[in-house]
Protein backbone atom coordinates (compact mmCIF):
# COMPACT_ATOMS: atom_id res chain seq x y z
CA MET A 1 0.73 8.30 14.12
CA LYS A 2 -2.74 7.59 12.71
CA GLU A 3 -3.66 9.59 9.70
CA PRO A 4 -7.13 10.93 8.91
CA GLY A 5 -9.44 8.27 7.56
CA GLU A 6 -7.23 5.42 8.83
CA ILE A 7 -9.44 2.46 9.68
CA LYS A 8 -6.97 -0.46 10.02
CA CYS A 9 -3.26 -0.98 10.82
CA LEU A 10 -1.81 -4.49 10.57
CA ASP A 11 1.60 -6.22 10.35
CA TYR A 12 2.29 -8.59 7.54
CA SER A 13 5.61 -10.42 6.86
CA GLY A 14 7.61 -7.63 8.50
CA TRP A 15 5.64 -4.83 6.92
CA GLU A 16 3.10 -2.46 8.30
CA ILE A 17 -0.06 -1.94 6.33
CA ARG A 18 -2.11 1.21 6.98
CA ILE A 19 -5.53 1.21 5.40
CA SER A 20 -7.50 4.49 5.00
CA LEU A 21 -10.78 5.42 3.38
CA ASP A 22 -10.87 8.80 1.72
CA GLY A 23 -14.47 9.34 0.94
CA LEU A 24 -16.83 9.27 -1.97
CA THR A 25 -16.24 10.81 -5.43
CA SER A 26 -18.87 12.84 -7.22
CA GLU A 27 -19.65 9.66 -9.23
CA GLY A 28 -20.38 7.76 -6.11
CA HIS A 29 -17.16 5.78 -6.12
CA ARG A 30 -15.66 4.91 -2.70
CA THR A 31 -11.94 5.79 -2.57
CA GLY A 32 -9.24 4.55 -0.26
CA HIS A 33 -5.53 3.64 -0.08
CA ALA A 34 -3.11 1.32 1.70
CA ASP A 35 0.26 2.59 2.79
CA LEU A 36 3.05 0.07 3.03
CA TRP A 37 5.87 0.65 5.53
CA ARG A 38 9.03 -1.41 6.03
CA ASP A 39 11.66 -0.67 8.73
CA GLY A 40 9.97 2.58 9.53
CA GLU A 41 10.01 3.92 6.03
CA HIS A 42 7.10 4.53 3.66
CA ARG A 43 7.65 2.17 0.63
CA CYS A 44 4.37 2.12 -1.36
CA ARG A 45 0.85 3.44 -1.63
CA ILE A 46 -1.84 1.34 -3.27
CA ALA A 47 -5.00 3.28 -4.24
CA LEU A 48 -8.40 1.98 -5.09
CA SER A 49 -11.60 3.55 -6.36
CA GLY A 50 -14.80 1.69 -7.13
CA HIS A 51 -18.34 0.95 -6.24
CA ALA A 52 -17.45 -1.28 -3.28
CA VAL A 53 -19.30 -0.37 -0.14
CA ASP A 54 -16.10 -0.89 1.85
CA PRO A 55 -12.91 -1.32 -0.10
CA SER A 56 -10.78 -2.08 2.96
CA ASP A 57 -10.79 -5.83 2.46
CA LYS A 58 -9.66 -5.42 -1.17
CA LEU A 59 -6.96 -2.97 -0.16
CA GLU A 60 -5.67 -5.41 2.42
CA GLN A 61 -5.65 -8.21 -0.15
CA LYS A 62 -3.88 -6.13 -2.79
CA ALA A 63 -1.22 -4.95 -0.22
CA LYS A 64 -0.58 -8.48 0.89
CA LEU A 65 -0.15 -9.58 -2.76
CA TRP A 66 2.16 -6.64 -3.39
CA ILE A 67 4.44 -7.67 -0.44
CA ASP A 68 4.42 -11.33 -1.53
CA ASP A 69 5.54 -10.26 -5.04
CA TRP A 70 8.23 -7.95 -3.47
CA LYS A 71 9.48 -10.78 -1.30
CA ALA A 72 9.79 -13.08 -4.38
CA VAL A 73 12.40 -10.79 -5.94
CA ASP A 74 16.03 -10.80 -5.08
CA HIS A 75 16.96 -7.40 -3.67
CA ALA A 76 20.62 -8.13 -3.10
CA GLY A 77 23.53 -6.90 -5.12
CA ASP A 78 23.90 -4.40 -8.00
CA THR A 79 20.67 -3.89 -10.14
CA GLY A 80 22.76 -2.69 -13.16
CA PHE A 81 20.88 0.70 -13.20
CA VAL A 82 23.14 3.69 -13.65
CA GLY A 83 22.25 7.07 -12.15
CA ILE A 84 22.31 10.33 -13.99
CA ASP A 85 25.43 11.48 -12.09
CA ASP A 86 27.35 8.23 -12.79
């Protein structure tokens, strides 16, 4: 389902990237975000605010870099973190 302000949706390396522009701040900054989905689950939101006329290209670039970094890490096995209830 498309969210308000969503201007672009693309697939990248098994992830879905949904880019939305939120509007302008009182200081004149354009705001937007990229939501990253994997296997139907929301995994990450990258937010951006700045003077860019259209931050969608920057959001797409940052989302792809985040995914590339995520793929470079081994996600198998025990991380060694212990939960509060453990």
